[in-house]
Amino acid sequence: MLFHGWGGDEGEFLDNVTVQSQSDQRGYVLVAPLGLGREEPGNRLSSWSFQGSTTGLDGDGLNAAVSGDTNAICDDDRTPDYTYPSCGDC
């Protein structure tokens, strides 16, 4: 699994000729998720989840695997170190 770097976006990654040719040669499926940022997705500074960057995290209140799951996008009281109960020991 590869993730595009800070400040990049999924299109920039997928359009890279080297990425395309190497994945084709190896028979890989390319997946380039849209990262998270302080603003809406598409912000030039989008990245992966880190403290202060929680826009878009799931909070549907329906996850039976997470005790006390709420509708909050990110419950900072339950995730002060940005690890999630559903992740186990990660």
N, C-alpha and C. Protein backbone atom coordinates (compact mmCIF):
# COMPACT_ATOMS: atom_id res chain seq x y z
N MET A 1 0.85 -1.16 0.00
CA MET A 1 0.00 0.00 0.00
C MET A 1 0.90 1.23 0.00
N LEU A 2 0.57 2.18 -0.83
CA LEU A 2 1.32 3.43 -0.91
C LEU A 2 0.37 4.59 -0.67
N PHE A 3 0.88 5.61 -0.01
CA PHE A 3 0.10 6.82 0.22
C PHE A 3 0.85 7.99 -0.40
N HIS A 4 0.11 8.87 -1.06
CA HIS A 4 0.77 10.05 -1.61
C HIS A 4 1.27 10.93 -0.48
N GLY A 5 2.24 11.75 -0.76
CA GLY A 5 2.87 12.57 0.28
C GLY A 5 2.10 13.80 0.67
N TRP A 6 2.62 14.49 1.66
CA TRP A 6 2.04 15.73 2.18
C TRP A 6 1.89 16.73 1.04
N GLY A 7 0.71 17.29 0.92
CA GLY A 7 0.46 18.33 -0.08
C GLY A 7 0.09 17.79 -1.44
N GLY A 8 0.22 16.48 -1.65
CA GLY A 8 -0.17 15.91 -2.92
C GLY A 8 -1.65 15.58 -2.91
N ASP A 9 -2.12 15.01 -3.99
CA ASP A 9 -3.51 14.56 -4.01
C ASP A 9 -3.59 13.25 -4.78
N GLU A 10 -4.74 12.63 -4.72
CA GLU A 10 -4.89 11.32 -5.33
C GLU A 10 -4.69 11.35 -6.83
N GLY A 11 -5.16 12.40 -7.50
CA GLY A 11 -5.00 12.51 -8.95
C GLY A 11 -3.54 12.65 -9.35
N GLU A 12 -2.81 13.47 -8.62
CA GLU A 12 -1.39 13.67 -8.90
C GLU A 12 -0.64 12.34 -8.78
N PHE A 13 -0.99 11.55 -7.80
CA PHE A 13 -0.36 10.25 -7.58
C PHE A 13 -0.72 9.28 -8.70
N LEU A 14 -2.01 9.17 -9.00
CA LEU A 14 -2.47 8.21 -10.00
C LEU A 14 -2.01 8.56 -11.41
N ASP A 15 -1.78 9.85 -11.68
CA ASP A 15 -1.35 10.28 -13.01
C ASP A 15 0.15 10.13 -13.23
N ASN A 16 0.90 9.75 -12.21
CA ASN A 16 2.34 9.61 -12.31
C ASN A 16 2.68 8.42 -13.22
N VAL A 17 3.45 8.68 -14.28
CA VAL A 17 3.78 7.65 -15.27
C VAL A 17 4.52 6.47 -14.64
N THR A 18 5.44 6.74 -13.73
CA THR A 18 6.20 5.67 -13.08
C THR A 18 5.28 4.81 -12.22
N VAL A 19 4.41 5.44 -11.47
CA VAL A 19 3.46 4.69 -10.64
C VAL A 19 2.60 3.79 -11.52
N GLN A 20 2.09 4.35 -12.61
CA GLN A 20 1.24 3.57 -13.52
C GLN A 20 2.00 2.40 -14.14
N SER A 21 3.19 2.66 -14.68
CA SER A 21 3.92 1.59 -15.38
C SER A 21 4.36 0.48 -14.42
N GLN A 22 4.82 0.86 -13.23
CA GLN A 22 5.26 -0.15 -12.26
C GLN A 22 4.08 -0.99 -11.76
N SER A 23 2.95 -0.35 -11.54
CA SER A 23 1.79 -1.11 -11.07
C SER A 23 1.26 -2.02 -12.18
N ASP A 24 1.30 -1.55 -13.43
CA ASP A 24 0.87 -2.38 -14.55
C ASP A 24 1.79 -3.60 -14.70
N GLN A 25 3.10 -3.39 -14.60
CA GLN A 25 4.06 -4.49 -14.74
C GLN A 25 3.85 -5.56 -13.67
N ARG A 26 3.48 -5.13 -12.49
CA ARG A 26 3.34 -6.06 -11.37
C ARG A 26 1.91 -6.56 -11.17
N GLY A 27 0.98 -6.01 -11.94
CA GLY A 27 -0.42 -6.41 -11.80
C GLY A 27 -1.09 -5.88 -10.55
N TYR A 28 -0.59 -4.74 -10.05
CA TYR A 28 -1.16 -4.14 -8.83
C TYR A 28 -2.40 -3.33 -9.15
N VAL A 29 -3.30 -3.27 -8.21
CA VAL A 29 -4.45 -2.38 -8.28
C VAL A 29 -4.07 -1.10 -7.55
N LEU A 30 -4.24 0.04 -8.19
CA LEU A 30 -3.91 1.31 -7.55
C LEU A 30 -5.10 1.85 -6.78
N VAL A 31 -4.87 2.22 -5.55
CA VAL A 31 -5.88 2.86 -4.72
C VAL A 31 -5.22 4.08 -4.12
N ALA A 32 -5.81 5.25 -4.33
CA ALA A 32 -5.23 6.48 -3.81
C ALA A 32 -6.33 7.26 -3.09
N PRO A 33 -6.54 6.98 -1.81
CA PRO A 33 -7.60 7.66 -1.07
C PRO A 33 -7.31 9.14 -0.90
N LEU A 34 -8.38 9.89 -0.76
CA LEU A 34 -8.27 11.32 -0.49
C LEU A 34 -7.96 11.50 0.98
N GLY A 35 -6.89 12.21 1.28
CA GLY A 35 -6.49 12.42 2.67
C GLY A 35 -7.41 13.38 3.40
N LEU A 36 -7.09 13.62 4.65
CA LEU A 36 -7.86 14.52 5.50
C LEU A 36 -7.06 15.79 5.74
N GLY A 37 -7.74 16.90 5.90
CA GLY A 37 -7.07 18.16 6.20
C GLY A 37 -7.90 19.00 7.13
N ARG A 38 -7.39 20.15 7.48
CA ARG A 38 -8.12 21.05 8.37
C ARG A 38 -9.38 21.58 7.69
N GLU A 39 -9.36 21.62 6.39
CA GLU A 39 -10.50 22.13 5.62
C GLU A 39 -11.18 20.97 4.91
N GLU A 40 -12.05 21.29 4.00
CA GLU A 40 -12.73 20.26 3.22
C GLU A 40 -11.72 19.50 2.37
N PRO A 41 -12.03 18.23 2.02
CA PRO A 41 -11.15 17.50 1.11
C PRO A 41 -10.91 18.32 -0.16
N GLY A 42 -9.72 18.22 -0.69
CA GLY A 42 -9.34 19.01 -1.85
C GLY A 42 -8.44 20.17 -1.46
N ASN A 43 -8.36 20.47 -0.17
CA ASN A 43 -7.43 21.49 0.31
C ASN A 43 -6.04 21.05 -0.08
N ARG A 44 -5.24 21.95 -0.58
CA ARG A 44 -3.88 21.61 -1.03
C ARG A 44 -3.06 20.98 0.09
N LEU A 45 -3.36 21.29 1.34
CA LEU A 45 -2.58 20.75 2.45
C LEU A 45 -3.24 19.54 3.10
N SER A 46 -4.09 18.84 2.36
CA SER A 46 -4.70 17.63 2.91
C SER A 46 -3.63 16.60 3.22
N SER A 47 -3.83 15.84 4.27
CA SER A 47 -2.89 14.80 4.65
C SER A 47 -3.67 13.69 5.31
N TRP A 48 -2.99 12.79 6.04
CA TRP A 48 -3.65 11.73 6.78
C TRP A 48 -3.98 12.22 8.16
N SER A 49 -4.74 11.48 8.89
CA SER A 49 -5.22 11.92 10.19
C SER A 49 -4.07 12.17 11.16
N PHE A 50 -4.08 13.33 11.75
CA PHE A 50 -3.12 13.70 12.77
C PHE A 50 -3.80 14.72 13.67
N GLN A 51 -3.23 15.02 14.82
CA GLN A 51 -3.86 15.94 15.76
C GLN A 51 -4.21 17.24 15.06
N GLY A 52 -5.47 17.64 15.18
CA GLY A 52 -5.95 18.85 14.54
C GLY A 52 -6.43 18.63 13.12
N SER A 53 -6.38 17.42 12.63
CA SER A 53 -6.81 17.13 11.26
C SER A 53 -7.79 15.98 11.28
N THR A 54 -9.02 16.24 11.69
CA THR A 54 -9.98 15.16 11.84
C THR A 54 -11.21 15.32 10.96
N THR A 55 -11.19 16.25 10.00
CA THR A 55 -12.33 16.42 9.12
C THR A 55 -12.63 15.13 8.38
N GLY A 56 -13.87 14.68 8.46
CA GLY A 56 -14.30 13.54 7.68
C GLY A 56 -14.19 12.20 8.35
N LEU A 57 -13.72 12.13 9.58
CA LEU A 57 -13.65 10.84 10.25
C LEU A 57 -15.07 10.35 10.56
N ASP A 58 -15.25 9.04 10.48
CA ASP A 58 -16.56 8.45 10.72
C ASP A 58 -17.05 8.72 12.13
N GLY A 59 -18.30 9.00 12.25
CA GLY A 59 -18.93 9.19 13.55
C GLY A 59 -20.43 8.98 13.41
N ASP A 60 -20.81 7.84 12.85
CA ASP A 60 -22.23 7.61 12.57
C ASP A 60 -23.01 7.09 13.76
N GLY A 61 -22.32 6.75 14.86
CA GLY A 61 -23.01 6.24 16.04
C GLY A 61 -23.52 4.83 15.88
N LEU A 62 -23.14 4.14 14.81
CA LEU A 62 -23.67 2.81 14.52
C LEU A 62 -22.65 1.69 14.63
N ASN A 63 -21.43 2.01 15.06
CA ASN A 63 -20.38 1.00 15.10
C ASN A 63 -20.48 0.18 16.38
N ALA A 64 -21.05 -1.01 16.29
CA ALA A 64 -21.25 -1.86 17.46
C ALA A 64 -19.93 -2.32 18.07
N ALA A 65 -18.85 -2.29 17.29
CA ALA A 65 -17.54 -2.71 17.79
C ALA A 65 -16.90 -1.65 18.68
N VAL A 66 -17.47 -0.44 18.66
CA VAL A 66 -16.90 0.66 19.46
C VAL A 66 -17.87 1.00 20.57
N SER A 67 -17.48 0.68 21.79
CA SER A 67 -18.32 0.96 22.94
C SER A 67 -18.58 2.45 23.05
N GLY A 68 -19.84 2.84 23.11
CA GLY A 68 -20.20 4.25 23.25
C GLY A 68 -20.01 5.08 22.00
N ASP A 69 -20.00 4.44 20.81
CA ASP A 69 -19.86 5.18 19.55
C ASP A 69 -20.91 6.29 19.51
N THR A 70 -20.50 7.46 19.09
CA THR A 70 -21.41 8.60 19.03
C THR A 70 -21.55 9.11 17.61
N ASN A 71 -22.41 10.10 17.43
CA ASN A 71 -22.58 10.74 16.13
C ASN A 71 -21.51 11.79 15.86
N ALA A 72 -20.68 12.08 16.86
CA ALA A 72 -19.64 13.08 16.67
C ALA A 72 -18.64 12.60 15.62
N ILE A 73 -18.21 13.51 14.77
CA ILE A 73 -17.22 13.16 13.76
C ILE A 73 -15.96 12.65 14.43
N CYS A 74 -15.49 13.34 15.43
CA CYS A 74 -14.34 12.89 16.19
C CYS A 74 -14.55 13.29 17.64
N ASP A 75 -14.66 12.33 18.51
CA ASP A 75 -14.86 12.60 19.92
C ASP A 75 -13.49 12.73 20.58
N ASP A 76 -12.99 13.97 20.69
CA ASP A 76 -11.65 14.21 21.22
C ASP A 76 -11.48 13.71 22.64
N ASP A 77 -12.57 13.64 23.41
CA ASP A 77 -12.47 13.14 24.78
C ASP A 77 -12.15 11.64 24.80
N ARG A 78 -12.63 10.91 23.79
CA ARG A 78 -12.40 9.46 23.73
C ARG A 78 -11.13 9.11 22.96
N THR A 79 -10.60 10.06 22.20
CA THR A 79 -9.43 9.77 21.36
C THR A 79 -8.35 10.84 21.53
N PRO A 80 -7.91 11.13 22.77
CA PRO A 80 -6.95 12.21 22.98
C PRO A 80 -5.60 11.95 22.32
N ASP A 81 -5.25 10.69 22.10
CA ASP A 81 -3.97 10.39 21.46
C ASP A 81 -4.16 9.92 20.01
N TYR A 82 -5.37 10.09 19.49
CA TYR A 82 -5.71 9.75 18.11
C TYR A 82 -5.49 8.28 17.79
N THR A 83 -5.74 7.43 18.78
CA THR A 83 -5.87 6.00 18.52
C THR A 83 -7.34 5.69 18.74
N TYR A 84 -7.86 4.70 18.07
CA TYR A 84 -9.28 4.44 18.09
C TYR A 84 -9.56 3.05 18.65
N PRO A 85 -10.62 2.92 19.47
CA PRO A 85 -10.94 1.63 20.08
C PRO A 85 -11.09 0.51 19.05
N SER A 86 -11.62 0.81 17.89
CA SER A 86 -11.83 -0.23 16.88
C SER A 86 -10.52 -0.72 16.29
N CYS A 87 -9.44 -0.03 16.58
CA CYS A 87 -8.13 -0.38 16.04
C CYS A 87 -7.43 -1.44 16.88
N GLY A 88 -7.93 -1.74 18.05
CA GLY A 88 -7.28 -2.73 18.91
C GLY A 88 -6.00 -2.19 19.51
N ASP A 89 -4.90 -2.88 19.26
CA ASP A 89 -3.62 -2.48 19.84
C ASP A 89 -2.73 -1.71 18.87
N CYS A 90 -3.32 -1.03 17.88
CA CYS A 90 -2.45 -0.35 16.92
C CYS A 90 -1.81 0.89 17.50
